[in-house]
Amino acid sequence: MRTPKPCVLPKRPTTRADLLASGMTQQMIRTALGAGRLHRVRRGVFIDAALWPPEPREQHLLRAVAERELFPEGVLSHQSAAAAWQLPHPGFTAWHDLPVSITLPRGSRSRTGAVIHHVGTLPPSQVTVDAEGRRLTSLARTAVDVAAGRALPEALVVFDAAARLLCAAMVVGPRRSDYANHRLIAAAREAFEQAALTRPPAGLRPVIALADPCRESAPESLSAGHFHLAGLPRPECQARLNTAVGTLYPDFYWSEQQLIGECDGAVKYTDPSGYVREKEREQVLRDLGYRMVRWQAKEIMLAPAAVIERVSRAFG
């Protein structure tokens, strides 16, 4: 009696040709698919169904890796690289909700649709391999790619977050003060400038000059971008203010006007006592003579003009 050949399912995205070369047959592939033990990542590429992740971001990245199985010269780029680096999206979506994107060498065929193939030359310094072994564009190049063509406030969301990651990578155990280190900030901006030089036309120099790793959230970055466009004085972000209850770090601080700006989001109040602590903090600052102006994260995203008017009144 013939012993059945064991069916070893692939632990990473694998092409049909590689499955056949490993000993699987077409019938074994069909049977495993029908039984739900094999998952089709994209046409012609499969993985053990038990390893298909539930998280949309991880699914997107596996589809990107699967695309490289068919186009091994490709590099994860644009929204796929942004998803891998976990950069924030400046809108109401997420990078992993967009089509998979890879960049292929010049001479390849570009394509759009469920998968986007960009065509261009990537300098070796702008290609890296992440901790999961994915070949992708560098953090600086990724930021330039996804920021290009966006309005200044939206592009600033990307550059601020990328600058924060770059600064953290330059030190061991980053502290709050490291994000305000002028040498680290200059190095991050220089990385963006170099990446933009090889991706014309980018037109990102004015945004890069404003990139600030001190800003801790996308709404803060959007706010800073809209303040700049409105011609408001440039605030200091996460300035160190010493008080009787400890050191406080407001989102925005205009020292000349003794004005503090706070961009409130739900994340600040995930702890039920968070709202109370925030009000106590505000009262401490008011007692010290600081004036306050507040706005919601959703306001700067949906009605930035209303926020600008409120902040302008506070200056008056």
C-alpha atoms as a PDB file:
ATOM      1  CA  MET A   1       0.000   0.000   0.000  1.00  0.00           C
ATOM      2  CA  ARG A   2       1.414   3.415  -1.038  1.00  0.00           C
ATOM      3  CA  THR A   3       2.038   5.831   1.858  1.00  0.00           C
ATOM      4  CA  PRO A   4       0.345   9.220   1.260  1.00  0.00           C
ATOM      5  CA  LYS A   5       2.835  12.011   0.647  1.00  0.00           C
ATOM      6  CA  PRO A   6       2.640  14.588   3.469  1.00  0.00           C
ATOM      7  CA  CYS A   7       1.403  18.040   2.466  1.00  0.00           C
ATOM      8  CA  VAL A   8       3.718  20.648   3.984  1.00  0.00           C
ATOM      9  CA  LEU A   9       1.968  24.011   3.824  1.00  0.00           C
ATOM     10  CA  PRO A  10       4.070  27.141   3.151  1.00  0.00           C
ATOM     11  CA  LYS A  11       4.968  29.317   6.131  1.00  0.00           C
ATOM     12  CA  ARG A  12       5.443  32.422   3.982  1.00  0.00           C
ATOM     13  CA  PRO A  13       3.888  33.596   0.682  1.00  0.00           C
ATOM     14  CA  THR A  14       4.985  31.021  -1.906  1.00  0.00           C
ATOM     15  CA  THR A  15       4.313  30.785  -5.627  1.00  0.00           C
ATOM     16  CA  ARG A  16       2.528  27.857  -7.226  1.00  0.00           C
ATOM     17  CA  ALA A  17       5.731  26.952  -9.093  1.00  0.00           C
ATOM     18  CA  ASP A  18       7.670  26.751  -5.818  1.00  0.00           C
ATOM     19  CA  LEU A  19       4.942  24.624  -4.222  1.00  0.00           C
ATOM     20  CA  LEU A  20       5.110  22.208  -7.144  1.00  0.00           C
ATOM     21  CA  ALA A  21       8.897  22.143  -6.939  1.00  0.00           C
ATOM     22  CA  SER A  22       8.652  21.301  -3.234  1.00  0.00           C
ATOM     23  CA  GLY A  23       6.640  18.163  -3.978  1.00  0.00           C
ATOM     24  CA  MET A  24       3.035  19.333  -3.873  1.00  0.00           C
ATOM     25  CA  THR A  25       0.818  18.470  -6.808  1.00  0.00           C
ATOM     26  CA  GLN A  26      -1.878  20.546  -8.478  1.00  0.00           C
ATOM     27  CA  GLN A  27      -4.461  18.261  -6.884  1.00  0.00           C
ATOM     28  CA  MET A  28      -2.919  18.707  -3.430  1.00  0.00           C
ATOM     29  CA  ILE A  29      -3.058  22.483  -3.865  1.00  0.00           C
ATOM     30  CA  ARG A  30      -6.720  22.340  -4.917  1.00  0.00           C
ATOM     31  CA  THR A  31      -7.588  20.027  -2.036  1.00  0.00           C
ATOM     32  CA  ALA A  32      -5.818  22.216   0.538  1.00  0.00           C
ATOM     33  CA  LEU A  33      -7.563  25.318  -0.821  1.00  0.00           C
ATOM     34  CA  GLY A  34     -10.965  23.613  -0.752  1.00  0.00           C
ATOM     35  CA  ALA A  35     -10.416  22.398   2.794  1.00  0.00           C
ATOM     36  CA  GLY A  36      -9.469  25.878   3.954  1.00  0.00           C
ATOM     37  CA  ARG A  37      -5.953  24.809   4.957  1.00  0.00           C
ATOM     38  CA  LEU A  38      -4.262  26.841   2.223  1.00  0.00           C
ATOM     39  CA  HIS A  39      -4.924  30.546   1.667  1.00  0.00           C
ATOM     40  CA  ARG A  40      -4.538  32.281  -1.701  1.00  0.00           C
ATOM     41  CA  VAL A  41      -2.757  35.580  -0.927  1.00  0.00           C
ATOM     42  CA  ARG A  42      -3.042  36.702  -4.540  1.00  0.00           C
ATOM     43  CA  ARG A  43      -3.334  34.847  -7.817  1.00  0.00           C
ATOM     44  CA  GLY A  44      -0.542  32.290  -7.961  1.00  0.00           C
ATOM     45  CA  VAL A  45       0.778  32.869  -4.411  1.00  0.00           C
ATOM     46  CA  PHE A  46      -0.288  30.916  -1.314  1.00  0.00           C
ATOM     47  CA  ILE A  47       0.320  30.563   2.412  1.00  0.00           C
ATOM     48  CA  ASP A  48      -0.734  28.230   5.215  1.00  0.00           C
ATOM     49  CA  ALA A  49      -4.246  29.441   6.101  1.00  0.00           C
ATOM     50  CA  ALA A  50      -3.405  29.225   9.808  1.00  0.00           C
ATOM     51  CA  LEU A  51      -0.816  31.960   9.259  1.00  0.00           C
ATOM     52  CA  TRP A  52      -3.137  34.412   7.514  1.00  0.00           C
ATOM     53  CA  PRO A  53      -3.330  37.271  10.057  1.00  0.00           C
ATOM     54  CA  PRO A  54      -6.591  38.833  11.260  1.00  0.00           C
ATOM     55  CA  GLU A  55      -5.169  42.385  11.303  1.00  0.00           C
ATOM     56  CA  PRO A  56      -5.748  44.409   8.082  1.00  0.00           C
ATOM     57  CA  ARG A  57      -2.266  45.939   8.253  1.00  0.00           C
ATOM     58  CA  GLU A  58      -0.573  42.550   8.434  1.00  0.00           C
ATOM     59  CA  GLN A  59      -2.791  41.239   5.617  1.00  0.00           C
ATOM     60  CA  HIS A  60      -1.758  44.182   3.421  1.00  0.00           C
ATOM     61  CA  LEU A  61       1.918  43.565   4.131  1.00  0.00           C
ATOM     62  CA  LEU A  62       1.616  39.855   3.349  1.00  0.00           C
ATOM     63  CA  ARG A  63      -0.024  40.758   0.029  1.00  0.00           C
ATOM     64  CA  ALA A  64       2.890  43.102  -0.647  1.00  0.00           C
ATOM     65  CA  VAL A  65       5.376  40.328   0.126  1.00  0.00           C
ATOM     66  CA  ALA A  66       3.377  38.023  -2.156  1.00  0.00           C
ATOM     67  CA  GLU A  67       3.683  40.567  -4.962  1.00  0.00           C
ATOM     68  CA  ARG A  68       7.457  40.490  -4.560  1.00  0.00           C
ATOM     69  CA  GLU A  69       7.384  36.702  -4.929  1.00  0.00           C
ATOM     70  CA  LEU A  70       6.254  37.269  -8.505  1.00  0.00           C
ATOM     71  CA  PHE A  71       8.364  40.415  -8.986  1.00  0.00           C
ATOM     72  CA  PRO A  72      11.473  39.759  -6.849  1.00  0.00           C
ATOM     73  CA  GLU A  73      13.227  42.873  -8.122  1.00  0.00           C
ATOM     74  CA  GLY A  74      10.444  44.954  -6.584  1.00  0.00           C
ATOM     75  CA  VAL A  75      10.657  46.941  -3.351  1.00  0.00           C
ATOM     76  CA  LEU A  76       7.746  47.703  -1.030  1.00  0.00           C
ATOM     77  CA  SER A  77       7.123  51.430  -1.399  1.00  0.00           C
ATOM     78  CA  HIS A  78       4.617  54.264  -1.004  1.00  0.00           C
ATOM     79  CA  GLN A  79       1.577  53.149   1.042  1.00  0.00           C
ATOM     80  CA  SER A  80       2.895  49.623   1.599  1.00  0.00           C
ATOM     81  CA  ALA A  81       6.180  50.943   2.980  1.00  0.00           C
ATOM     82  CA  ALA A  82       4.261  53.533   5.032  1.00  0.00           C
ATOM     83  CA  ALA A  83       2.184  50.702   6.509  1.00  0.00           C
ATOM     84  CA  ALA A  84       5.371  48.784   7.338  1.00  0.00           C
ATOM     85  CA  TRP A  85       6.930  51.840   9.026  1.00  0.00           C
ATOM     86  CA  GLN A  86       3.575  52.532  10.760  1.00  0.00           C
ATOM     87  CA  LEU A  87       3.466  56.143   9.622  1.00  0.00           C
ATOM     88  CA  PRO A  88       0.155  57.930  10.279  1.00  0.00           C
ATOM     89  CA  HIS A  89      -2.123  58.655   7.353  1.00  0.00           C
ATOM     90  CA  PRO A  90      -3.111  62.338   7.200  1.00  0.00           C
ATOM     91  CA  GLY A  91      -6.737  61.580   6.335  1.00  0.00           C
ATOM     92  CA  PHE A  92      -9.550  59.358   7.521  1.00  0.00           C
ATOM     93  CA  THR A  93      -8.176  56.137   6.111  1.00  0.00           C
ATOM     94  CA  ALA A  94      -5.140  53.944   6.756  1.00  0.00           C
ATOM     95  CA  TRP A  95      -2.263  53.067   4.474  1.00  0.00           C
ATOM     96  CA  HIS A  96      -3.176  49.384   4.627  1.00  0.00           C
ATOM     97  CA  ASP A  97      -6.646  50.156   3.231  1.00  0.00           C
ATOM     98  CA  LEU A  98      -5.024  51.340  -0.011  1.00  0.00           C
ATOM     99  CA  PRO A  99      -3.732  49.085  -2.813  1.00  0.00           C
ATOM    100  CA  VAL A 100      -0.470  47.239  -2.350  1.00  0.00           C
ATOM    101  CA  SER A 101       2.402  49.240  -3.831  1.00  0.00           C
ATOM    102  CA  ILE A 102       5.866  48.210  -4.997  1.00  0.00           C
ATOM    103  CA  THR A 103       8.546  49.992  -7.006  1.00  0.00           C
ATOM    104  CA  LEU A 104      10.185  48.170  -9.930  1.00  0.00           C
ATOM    105  CA  PRO A 105      13.357  49.106 -11.834  1.00  0.00           C
ATOM    106  CA  ARG A 106      13.221  51.306 -14.899  1.00  0.00           C
ATOM    107  CA  GLY A 107      12.205  49.368 -17.961  1.00  0.00           C
ATOM    108  CA  SER A 108       9.507  47.505 -16.061  1.00  0.00           C
ATOM    109  CA  ARG A 109       5.840  47.966 -16.743  1.00  0.00           C
ATOM    110  CA  SER A 110       3.853  50.261 -14.462  1.00  0.00           C
ATOM    111  CA  ARG A 111       0.424  49.132 -13.320  1.00  0.00           C
ATOM    112  CA  THR A 112      -2.474  50.440 -11.259  1.00  0.00           C
ATOM    113  CA  GLY A 113      -5.489  48.730  -9.762  1.00  0.00           C
ATOM    114  CA  ALA A 114      -5.648  46.335  -6.824  1.00  0.00           C
ATOM    115  CA  VAL A 115      -1.839  46.459  -6.926  1.00  0.00           C
ATOM    116  CA  ILE A 116       0.241  49.477  -7.979  1.00  0.00           C
ATOM    117  CA  HIS A 117       3.579  49.045  -9.719  1.00  0.00           C
ATOM    118  CA  HIS A 118       5.691  52.215  -9.686  1.00  0.00           C
ATOM    119  CA  VAL A 119       8.684  52.332 -11.984  1.00  0.00           C
ATOM    120  CA  GLY A 120      11.869  54.180 -11.109  1.00  0.00           C
ATOM    121  CA  THR A 121      15.428  54.018  -9.876  1.00  0.00           C
ATOM    122  CA  LEU A 122      15.969  53.676  -6.145  1.00  0.00           C
ATOM    123  CA  PRO A 123      19.486  54.469  -4.864  1.00  0.00           C
ATOM    124  CA  PRO A 124      20.833  51.650  -2.649  1.00  0.00           C
ATOM    125  CA  SER A 125      20.859  54.046   0.323  1.00  0.00           C
ATOM    126  CA  GLN A 126      17.086  54.390   0.013  1.00  0.00           C
ATOM    127  CA  VAL A 127      16.340  50.655   0.162  1.00  0.00           C
ATOM    128  CA  THR A 128      16.480  48.660   3.369  1.00  0.00           C
ATOM    129  CA  VAL A 129      15.252  45.436   4.977  1.00  0.00           C
ATOM    130  CA  ASP A 130      13.093  45.683   8.082  1.00  0.00           C
ATOM    131  CA  ALA A 131      13.077  43.433  11.145  1.00  0.00           C
ATOM    132  CA  GLU A 132      10.584  41.074   9.449  1.00  0.00           C
ATOM    133  CA  GLY A 133      12.850  40.650   6.418  1.00  0.00           C
ATOM    134  CA  ARG A 134      10.752  42.795   4.076  1.00  0.00           C
ATOM    135  CA  ARG A 135      12.689  44.722   1.404  1.00  0.00           C
ATOM    136  CA  LEU A 136      11.284  48.243   1.364  1.00  0.00           C
ATOM    137  CA  THR A 137      12.117  51.893   0.823  1.00  0.00           C
ATOM    138  CA  SER A 138      13.948  53.665   3.644  1.00  0.00           C
ATOM    139  CA  LEU A 139      11.946  55.660   6.154  1.00  0.00           C
ATOM    140  CA  ALA A 140      13.037  58.982   4.649  1.00  0.00           C
ATOM    141  CA  ARG A 141      12.267  57.898   1.071  1.00  0.00           C
ATOM    142  CA  THR A 142       8.912  56.486   2.149  1.00  0.00           C
ATOM    143  CA  ALA A 143       7.984  59.794   3.799  1.00  0.00           C
ATOM    144  CA  VAL A 144       8.938  61.707   0.641  1.00  0.00           C
ATOM    145  CA  ASP A 145       6.953  59.326  -1.585  1.00  0.00           C
ATOM    146  CA  VAL A 146       3.702  59.490   0.377  1.00  0.00           C
ATOM    147  CA  ALA A 147       3.952  63.220   1.191  1.00  0.00           C
ATOM    148  CA  ALA A 148       4.602  64.323  -2.391  1.00  0.00           C
ATOM    149  CA  GLY A 149       1.615  66.049  -3.943  1.00  0.00           C
ATOM    150  CA  ARG A 150      -0.194  66.610  -0.638  1.00  0.00           C
ATOM    151  CA  ALA A 151      -1.119  69.951   0.892  1.00  0.00           C
ATOM    152  CA  LEU A 152       1.375  71.251   3.446  1.00  0.00           C
ATOM    153  CA  PRO A 153      -0.577  70.297   6.610  1.00  0.00           C
ATOM    154  CA  GLU A 154      -1.148  66.729   5.373  1.00  0.00           C
ATOM    155  CA  ALA A 155       2.475  66.335   4.264  1.00  0.00           C
ATOM    156  CA  LEU A 156       3.627  67.622   7.651  1.00  0.00           C
ATOM    157  CA  VAL A 157       1.750  64.773   9.358  1.00  0.00           C
ATOM    158  CA  VAL A 158       3.988  62.319   7.518  1.00  0.00           C
ATOM    159  CA  PHE A 159       7.259  64.199   7.996  1.00  0.00           C
ATOM    160  CA  ASP A 160       6.733  64.878  11.699  1.00  0.00           C
ATOM    161  CA  ALA A 161       6.081  61.206  12.423  1.00  0.00           C
ATOM    162  CA  ALA A 162       8.981  60.054  10.253  1.00  0.00           C
ATOM    163  CA  ALA A 163      11.306  62.594  11.894  1.00  0.00           C
ATOM    164  CA  ARG A 164      10.286  61.267  15.288  1.00  0.00           C
ATOM    165  CA  LEU A 165      11.167  57.715  14.231  1.00  0.00           C
ATOM    166  CA  LEU A 166      14.480  58.839  12.722  1.00  0.00           C
ATOM    167  CA  CYS A 167      15.465  60.734  15.875  1.00  0.00           C
ATOM    168  CA  ALA A 168      14.564  57.750  18.048  1.00  0.00           C
ATOM    169  CA  ALA A 169      16.753  55.523  15.863  1.00  0.00           C
ATOM    170  CA  MET A 170      19.767  57.807  16.370  1.00  0.00           C
ATOM    171  CA  VAL A 171      19.903  57.325  20.145  1.00  0.00           C
ATOM    172  CA  VAL A 172      19.615  54.514  22.662  1.00  0.00           C
ATOM    173  CA  GLY A 173      16.457  54.766  24.740  1.00  0.00           C
ATOM    174  CA  PRO A 174      15.071  58.051  23.338  1.00  0.00           C
ATOM    175  CA  ARG A 175      13.930  60.630  25.875  1.00  0.00           C
ATOM    176  CA  ARG A 176      11.614  63.577  25.394  1.00  0.00           C
ATOM    177  CA  SER A 177      14.618  65.912  25.178  1.00  0.00           C
ATOM    178  CA  ASP A 178      16.033  63.948  22.233  1.00  0.00           C
ATOM    179  CA  TYR A 179      13.098  64.982  20.044  1.00  0.00           C
ATOM    180  CA  ALA A 180      14.016  68.622  20.680  1.00  0.00           C
ATOM    181  CA  ASN A 181      17.724  68.067  19.962  1.00  0.00           C
ATOM    182  CA  HIS A 182      18.656  70.443  17.140  1.00  0.00           C
ATOM    183  CA  ARG A 183      21.388  68.175  15.789  1.00  0.00           C
ATOM    184  CA  LEU A 184      19.029  65.198  15.572  1.00  0.00           C
ATOM    185  CA  ILE A 185      16.300  67.306  13.969  1.00  0.00           C
ATOM    186  CA  ALA A 186      18.778  68.650  11.408  1.00  0.00           C
ATOM    187  CA  ALA A 187      19.930  65.104  10.612  1.00  0.00           C
ATOM    188  CA  ALA A 188      16.337  63.955  10.069  1.00  0.00           C
ATOM    189  CA  ARG A 189      15.598  66.898   7.770  1.00  0.00           C
ATOM    190  CA  GLU A 190      18.808  66.222   5.849  1.00  0.00           C
ATOM    191  CA  ALA A 191      17.678  62.619   5.277  1.00  0.00           C
ATOM    192  CA  PHE A 192      14.407  63.922   3.832  1.00  0.00           C
ATOM    193  CA  GLU A 193      16.246  66.424   1.629  1.00  0.00           C
ATOM    194  CA  GLN A 194      18.504  63.718   0.214  1.00  0.00           C
ATOM    195  CA  ALA A 195      15.529  61.452  -0.513  1.00  0.00           C
ATOM    196  CA  ALA A 196      13.647  64.303  -2.202  1.00  0.00           C
ATOM    197  CA  LEU A 197      16.615  65.068  -4.471  1.00  0.00           C
ATOM    198  CA  THR A 198      16.282  61.667  -6.136  1.00  0.00           C
ATOM    199  CA  ARG A 199      12.533  61.904  -6.532  1.00  0.00           C
ATOM    200  CA  PRO A 200      11.841  64.975  -8.691  1.00  0.00           C
ATOM    201  CA  PRO A 201       9.555  66.744  -8.838  1.00  0.00           C
ATOM    202  CA  ALA A 202       8.807  66.634  -5.112  1.00  0.00           C
ATOM    203  CA  GLY A 203       8.583  70.321  -4.121  1.00  0.00           C
ATOM    204  CA  LEU A 204       8.736  69.377  -0.460  1.00  0.00           C
ATOM    205  CA  ARG A 205      11.503  71.668   0.784  1.00  0.00           C
ATOM    206  CA  PRO A 206       9.135  74.103   2.612  1.00  0.00           C
ATOM    207  CA  VAL A 207       7.444  71.218   4.424  1.00  0.00           C
ATOM    208  CA  ILE A 208      10.721  69.519   5.328  1.00  0.00           C
ATOM    209  CA  ALA A 209      11.947  72.771   6.882  1.00  0.00           C
ATOM    210  CA  LEU A 210       8.920  72.694   9.213  1.00  0.00           C
ATOM    211  CA  ALA A 211       9.238  69.027  10.242  1.00  0.00           C
ATOM    212  CA  ASP A 212       9.350  68.752  14.045  1.00  0.00           C
ATOM    213  CA  PRO A 213       9.647  65.422  15.888  1.00  0.00           C
ATOM    214  CA  CYS A 214       8.369  67.067  19.084  1.00  0.00           C
ATOM    215  CA  ARG A 215       4.833  66.898  17.741  1.00  0.00           C
ATOM    216  CA  GLU A 216       3.283  63.698  19.051  1.00  0.00           C
ATOM    217  CA  SER A 217       0.166  63.168  16.945  1.00  0.00           C
ATOM    218  CA  ALA A 218      -1.279  63.686  13.480  1.00  0.00           C
ATOM    219  CA  PRO A 219      -3.783  66.353  14.699  1.00  0.00           C
ATOM    220  CA  GLU A 220      -0.905  68.329  16.247  1.00  0.00           C
ATOM    221  CA  SER A 221       0.961  68.216  12.937  1.00  0.00           C
ATOM    222  CA  LEU A 222      -2.140  69.246  10.994  1.00  0.00           C
ATOM    223  CA  SER A 223      -2.631  72.139  13.406  1.00  0.00           C
ATOM    224  CA  ALA A 224       0.965  73.310  12.972  1.00  0.00           C
ATOM    225  CA  GLY A 225       0.604  73.162   9.203  1.00  0.00           C
ATOM    226  CA  HIS A 226      -2.588  75.211   9.184  1.00  0.00           C
ATOM    227  CA  PHE A 227      -1.084  77.761  11.608  1.00  0.00           C
ATOM    228  CA  HIS A 228       1.834  78.197   9.209  1.00  0.00           C
ATOM    229  CA  LEU A 229      -0.422  78.691   6.193  1.00  0.00           C
ATOM    230  CA  ALA A 230      -2.504  81.221   8.142  1.00  0.00           C
ATOM    231  CA  GLY A 231       0.598  83.263   8.976  1.00  0.00           C
ATOM    232  CA  LEU A 232       0.333  82.786  12.729  1.00  0.00           C
ATOM    233  CA  PRO A 233       3.543  83.001  14.792  1.00  0.00           C
ATOM    234  CA  ARG A 234       5.349  79.687  14.993  1.00  0.00           C
ATOM    235  CA  PRO A 235       4.723  78.041  18.371  1.00  0.00           C
ATOM    236  CA  GLU A 236       7.061  75.847  20.377  1.00  0.00           C
ATOM    237  CA  CYS A 237       5.736  72.298  20.590  1.00  0.00           C
ATOM    238  CA  GLN A 238       5.862  70.310  23.829  1.00  0.00           C
ATOM    239  CA  ALA A 239       7.672  73.200  25.565  1.00  0.00           C
ATOM    240  CA  ARG A 240       8.955  72.482  29.066  1.00  0.00           C
ATOM    241  CA  LEU A 241       7.004  74.479  31.676  1.00  0.00           C
ATOM    242  CA  ASN A 242       7.921  74.051  35.338  1.00  0.00           C
ATOM    243  CA  THR A 243       5.055  74.300  37.804  1.00  0.00           C
ATOM    244  CA  ALA A 244       4.399  73.509  41.464  1.00  0.00           C
ATOM    245  CA  VAL A 245       2.805  70.211  40.421  1.00  0.00           C
ATOM    246  CA  GLY A 246       5.684  69.186  38.163  1.00  0.00           C
ATOM    247  CA  THR A 247       6.869  69.783  34.624  1.00  0.00           C
ATOM    248  CA  LEU A 248       4.135  70.178  32.029  1.00  0.00           C
ATOM    249  CA  TYR A 249       4.467  69.935  28.256  1.00  0.00           C
ATOM    250  CA  PRO A 250       1.654  71.698  26.364  1.00  0.00           C
ATOM    251  CA  ASP A 251       1.002  70.857  22.731  1.00  0.00           C
ATOM    252  CA  PHE A 252       1.685  74.430  21.577  1.00  0.00           C
ATOM    253  CA  TYR A 253       3.221  77.401  23.358  1.00  0.00           C
ATOM    254  CA  TRP A 254       3.555  80.993  22.151  1.00  0.00           C
ATOM    255  CA  SER A 255       5.904  82.479  24.734  1.00  0.00           C
ATOM    256  CA  GLU A 256       5.538  86.114  23.663  1.00  0.00           C
ATOM    257  CA  GLN A 257       1.786  85.965  24.150  1.00  0.00           C
ATOM    258  CA  GLN A 258       1.952  83.586  27.152  1.00  0.00           C
ATOM    259  CA  LEU A 259      -0.568  81.536  25.182  1.00  0.00           C
ATOM    260  CA  ILE A 260      -0.946  77.756  25.374  1.00  0.00           C
ATOM    261  CA  GLY A 261      -2.765  75.741  22.726  1.00  0.00           C
ATOM    262  CA  GLU A 262      -4.087  72.246  23.325  1.00  0.00           C
ATOM    263  CA  CYS A 263      -5.320  69.892  20.610  1.00  0.00           C
ATOM    264  CA  ASP A 264      -7.671  67.462  22.336  1.00  0.00           C
ATOM    265  CA  GLY A 265      -8.377  63.966  21.087  1.00  0.00           C
ATOM    266  CA  ALA A 266     -10.118  60.942  22.573  1.00  0.00           C
ATOM    267  CA  VAL A 267      -6.721  59.342  23.204  1.00  0.00           C
ATOM    268  CA  LYS A 268      -6.104  61.861  25.993  1.00  0.00           C
ATOM    269  CA  TYR A 269      -9.109  60.638  27.903  1.00  0.00           C
ATOM    270  CA  THR A 270      -8.992  56.861  27.558  1.00  0.00           C
ATOM    271  CA  ASP A 271      -8.497  56.752  31.308  1.00  0.00           C
ATOM    272  CA  PRO A 272     -11.785  57.817  33.017  1.00  0.00           C
ATOM    273  CA  SER A 273      -9.813  60.159  35.291  1.00  0.00           C
ATOM    274  CA  GLY A 274      -7.990  61.714  32.333  1.00  0.00           C
ATOM    275  CA  TYR A 275     -10.519  64.505  31.864  1.00  0.00           C
ATOM    276  CA  VAL A 276     -10.296  65.518  35.524  1.00  0.00           C
ATOM    277  CA  ARG A 277      -6.494  65.541  35.445  1.00  0.00           C
ATOM    278  CA  GLU A 278      -6.514  67.643  32.279  1.00  0.00           C
ATOM    279  CA  LYS A 279      -8.790  70.249  33.900  1.00  0.00           C
ATOM    280  CA  GLU A 280      -6.555  70.342  36.988  1.00  0.00           C
ATOM    281  CA  ARG A 281      -3.518  70.817  34.728  1.00  0.00           C
ATOM    282  CA  GLU A 282      -5.241  73.656  32.885  1.00  0.00           C
ATOM    283  CA  GLN A 283      -6.113  75.412  36.123  1.00  0.00           C
ATOM    284  CA  VAL A 284      -2.509  75.201  37.316  1.00  0.00           C
ATOM    285  CA  LEU A 285      -1.364  76.898  34.107  1.00  0.00           C
ATOM    286  CA  ARG A 286      -4.066  79.556  34.282  1.00  0.00           C
ATOM    287  CA  ASP A 287      -3.104  80.330  37.883  1.00  0.00           C
ATOM    288  CA  LEU A 288       0.458  80.928  36.653  1.00  0.00           C
ATOM    289  CA  GLY A 289      -0.813  83.543  34.211  1.00  0.00           C
ATOM    290  CA  TYR A 290      -0.901  81.492  31.027  1.00  0.00           C
ATOM    291  CA  ARG A 291      -3.846  81.906  28.697  1.00  0.00           C
ATOM    292  CA  MET A 292      -5.401  78.830  27.070  1.00  0.00           C
ATOM    293  CA  VAL A 293      -7.015  78.010  23.746  1.00  0.00           C
ATOM    294  CA  ARG A 294      -8.305  74.531  22.923  1.00  0.00           C
ATOM    295  CA  TRP A 295      -9.638  72.695  19.895  1.00  0.00           C
ATOM    296  CA  GLN A 296     -10.658  69.151  19.073  1.00  0.00           C
ATOM    297  CA  ALA A 297      -8.679  66.878  16.774  1.00  0.00           C
ATOM    298  CA  LYS A 298     -11.767  66.428  14.598  1.00  0.00           C
ATOM    299  CA  GLU A 299     -12.069  70.209  14.264  1.00  0.00           C
ATOM    300  CA  ILE A 300      -8.613  70.656  12.764  1.00  0.00           C
ATOM    301  CA  MET A 301      -9.359  67.786  10.394  1.00  0.00           C
ATOM    302  CA  LEU A 302     -12.841  68.915   9.331  1.00  0.00           C
ATOM    303  CA  ALA A 303     -12.998  72.666   9.994  1.00  0.00           C
ATOM    304  CA  PRO A 304      -9.471  74.097  10.218  1.00  0.00           C
ATOM    305  CA  ALA A 305     -10.701  77.632   9.485  1.00  0.00           C
ATOM    306  CA  ALA A 306     -12.732  77.595  12.703  1.00  0.00           C
ATOM    307  CA  VAL A 307      -9.643  76.589  14.678  1.00  0.00           C
ATOM    308  CA  ILE A 308      -7.542  79.304  13.044  1.00  0.00           C
ATOM    309  CA  GLU A 309     -10.185  81.907  13.915  1.00  0.00           C
ATOM    310  CA  ARG A 310     -10.287  80.735  17.551  1.00  0.00           C
ATOM    311  CA  VAL A 311      -6.509  80.827  17.924  1.00  0.00           C
ATOM    312  CA  SER A 312      -6.337  84.233  16.192  1.00  0.00           C
ATOM    313  CA  ARG A 313      -8.895  85.620  18.657  1.00  0.00           C
ATOM    314  CA  ALA A 314      -6.761  84.312  21.523  1.00  0.00           C
ATOM    315  CA  PHE A 315      -3.844  86.326  20.152  1.00  0.00           C
ATOM    316  CA  GLY A 316      -5.988  89.448  20.076  1.00  0.00           C
END
